[in-house]
Protein backbone atom coordinates (compact mmCIF):
# COMPACT_ATOMS: atom_id res chain seq x y z
CA MET A 1 97.47 61.18 62.70
CA VAL A 2 99.22 63.61 65.08
CA LYS A 3 97.42 66.87 65.78
CA ASN A 4 99.16 69.94 64.34
CA ASN A 5 99.62 71.52 67.77
CA THR A 6 101.27 68.39 69.17
CA LEU A 7 103.57 68.18 66.19
CA GLU A 8 104.48 71.86 66.48
CA VAL A 9 105.29 71.49 70.20
CA LEU A 10 107.46 68.43 69.62
CA LYS A 11 109.28 70.13 66.74
CA ALA A 12 109.89 73.19 68.90
CA LEU A 13 111.41 71.04 71.64
CA SER A 14 113.53 69.00 69.22
CA ASP A 15 116.29 71.62 68.93
CA GLY A 16 119.06 71.64 71.53
CA THR A 17 119.18 75.42 71.87
CA ARG A 18 115.42 75.70 72.25
CA LEU A 19 115.46 72.91 74.82
CA GLU A 20 118.13 74.77 76.82
CA ILE A 21 116.07 77.95 76.63
CA VAL A 22 112.95 76.15 77.88
CA ARG A 23 114.88 74.58 80.77
CA LEU A 24 116.17 78.03 81.75
CA LEU A 25 112.70 79.56 81.54
CA LEU A 26 111.32 76.83 83.78
CA GLU A 27 113.32 78.56 86.52
CA GLY A 28 111.50 81.84 85.87
CA GLU A 29 111.03 84.77 83.54
CA ARG A 30 114.11 86.04 81.69
CA CYS A 31 114.96 88.68 79.10
CA VAL A 32 116.97 87.89 75.98
CA CYS A 33 120.00 89.58 77.55
CA GLN A 34 119.92 86.94 80.32
CA ILE A 35 119.24 84.00 78.02
CA PHE A 36 121.81 84.29 75.24
CA PRO A 37 124.93 84.14 77.46
CA HIS A 38 123.52 81.09 79.25
CA VAL A 39 122.94 79.11 76.05
CA LYS A 40 126.20 80.37 74.49
CA ARG A 41 124.55 81.58 71.28
CA THR A 42 124.30 85.03 69.70
CA GLN A 43 121.45 87.29 70.69
CA SER A 44 119.97 87.10 67.19
CA THR A 45 120.05 83.28 67.23
CA VAL A 46 118.33 83.20 70.62
CA SER A 47 115.70 85.68 69.42
CA THR A 48 114.95 83.44 66.44
CA GLN A 49 114.64 80.38 68.70
CA LEU A 50 112.41 82.29 71.12
CA ALA A 51 110.12 83.22 68.22
CA THR A 52 109.79 79.53 67.31
CA LEU A 53 108.94 78.62 70.91
CA GLU A 54 106.42 81.45 71.10
CA LYS A 55 104.78 80.42 67.82
CA ALA A 56 104.37 76.90 69.21
CA GLY A 57 102.64 78.38 72.26
CA LEU A 58 105.25 77.17 74.75
CA ILE A 59 106.35 80.61 75.90
CA LYS A 60 104.95 84.13 75.95
CA SER A 61 106.60 87.52 75.99
CA ARG A 62 106.04 90.94 77.47
CA ARG A 63 107.82 94.20 76.77
CA GLU A 64 109.21 96.40 79.51
CA GLY A 65 110.84 99.46 77.98
CA LYS A 66 113.40 98.23 75.48
CA LYS A 67 113.62 94.74 76.98
CA ILE A 68 111.44 91.78 76.11
CA PHE A 69 110.88 89.21 78.84
CA TYR A 70 109.92 85.60 78.20
CA LYS A 71 108.30 82.98 80.40
CA ILE A 72 106.71 79.56 80.07
CA ASN A 73 103.17 79.86 78.74
CA ASP A 74 102.12 76.21 79.03
CA ASN A 75 102.69 74.39 82.31
CA ARG A 76 102.56 71.06 80.48
CA VAL A 77 106.09 71.79 79.21
CA LYS A 78 107.60 70.68 82.53
CA LYS A 79 105.59 67.44 82.42
CA ILE A 80 106.61 66.79 78.81
CA LEU A 81 110.31 67.26 79.58
CA LYS A 82 110.12 65.16 82.74
CA ALA A 83 108.35 62.33 80.90
CA ALA A 84 110.81 62.42 77.99
CA GLU A 85 113.86 62.45 80.27
CA SER A 86 112.41 59.64 82.34
CA LYS A 87 111.85 57.47 79.25
CA LEU A 88 115.30 58.23 77.86
CA GLU A 89 116.96 57.42 81.18
CA GLY A 90 115.00 54.17 81.37
CA ASN A 91 113.05 55.02 84.53
């Protein structure tokens, strides 16, 4: 049986938009205003996806005035993505 946390992480990474967001955040901390144009989704859609990623423990947020900034919370995310991409590319 898969642990709940593992299942939640894999579910969070299974959406294309969330995966794009995670890849962007691997480059460094960003606010929603910087993320939504990059992933070509509305700000409300991105906020919803960020909430899912935060609930899974993959990212964390901090408020600075009216802006909320997000960054990777779990360094294993990079390893997970690298391993998955390697397997899918057949390496």
